[in-house]
Protein backbone atom coordinates (compact mmCIF):
# COMPACT_ATOMS: atom_id res chain seq x y z
CA MET A 1 63.31 44.00 77.50
CA LYS A 2 62.59 45.07 73.95
CA ARG A 3 64.05 43.17 71.05
CA GLN A 4 63.85 43.94 67.37
CA PHE A 5 63.10 41.37 64.68
CA THR A 6 62.38 41.57 60.95
CA ALA A 7 58.82 40.77 59.90
CA ILE A 8 58.19 39.73 56.29
CA TYR A 9 54.69 39.95 54.76
CA LYS A 10 53.45 38.60 51.45
CA LYS A 11 50.02 38.53 49.83
CA SER A 12 49.05 35.09 48.57
CA GLY A 13 45.65 34.93 46.92
CA LYS A 14 43.10 36.21 49.44
CA TRP A 15 45.48 35.75 52.40
CA TYR A 16 48.46 37.57 53.83
CA LEU A 17 51.39 35.48 55.02
CA GLY A 18 53.84 36.67 57.63
CA TRP A 19 57.03 35.32 59.17
CA VAL A 20 60.00 36.45 61.24
CA GLU A 21 63.21 36.42 59.26
CA GLU A 22 65.51 35.64 62.23
CA ILE A 23 63.56 32.80 63.85
CA PRO A 24 62.50 29.75 61.81
CA GLY A 25 59.02 28.52 62.66
CA VAL A 26 57.52 31.88 63.57
CA ASN A 27 54.94 32.32 60.84
CA THR A 28 51.23 33.03 60.45
CA GLN A 29 48.52 34.16 58.09
CA GLY A 30 45.51 36.46 58.12
CA LYS A 31 42.74 37.81 55.94
CA THR A 32 44.08 41.35 56.31
CA LEU A 33 47.56 42.77 56.72
CA LYS A 34 46.54 44.17 60.12
CA GLU A 35 45.32 40.75 61.30
CA THR A 36 48.53 39.12 60.05
CA LYS A 37 50.69 41.63 61.92
CA GLU A 38 48.77 41.01 65.15
CA ASN A 39 48.96 37.23 64.65
CA LEU A 40 52.71 37.41 63.99
CA LYS A 41 53.39 39.36 67.19
CA GLU A 42 51.43 36.76 69.15
CA ALA A 43 53.21 33.85 67.41
CA LEU A 44 56.62 35.38 68.16
CA PHE A 45 55.73 35.99 71.81
CA LEU A 46 54.46 32.42 72.23
CA ILE A 47 57.56 30.88 70.61
CA LEU A 48 59.93 32.94 72.76
CA GLU A 49 58.04 32.16 75.98
CA THR A 50 57.73 28.45 75.13
CA ASN A 51 61.44 28.15 74.30
CA LYS A 52 62.37 29.91 77.54
CA PHE A 53 60.09 27.59 79.56
CA LEU A 54 61.36 24.44 77.83
CA ASN A 55 64.99 25.39 78.33
CA LYS A 56 64.48 26.09 82.02
CA SER A 57 62.49 22.92 82.66
CA GLN A 58 64.87 20.64 80.73
CA THR A 59 68.04 21.95 82.35
CA SER A 60 68.86 19.57 85.19
CA GLN A 61 72.37 20.94 85.82
CA LYS A 62 73.51 24.31 87.03
CA VAL A 63 74.01 26.57 84.07
CA ILE A 64 75.11 30.14 83.49
CA ARG A 65 72.44 32.42 82.05
CA GLU A 66 73.36 35.91 80.94
CA PRO A 67 72.20 38.53 78.47
CA LEU A 68 73.78 38.37 75.03
CA MET A 69 73.82 41.45 72.84
CA VAL A 70 74.73 41.40 69.16
CA SER A 71 74.82 44.02 66.44
CA VAL A 72 74.27 43.01 62.85
């Protein structure tokens, strides 16, 4: 499943900073814009996978899981 997020990049001194606008905590840095973009994709993937794993492992009751689509 493909999802779309908004990546924000900013040059700060010799570094590039990057973060995902929709998900707090997904941020990174790199020496080049290309490196920062690659790092941000990896950070986003890891956060989404970790959250999914934690939610599944901490749910001791039967729950309903279903896709949720929104348009903004």
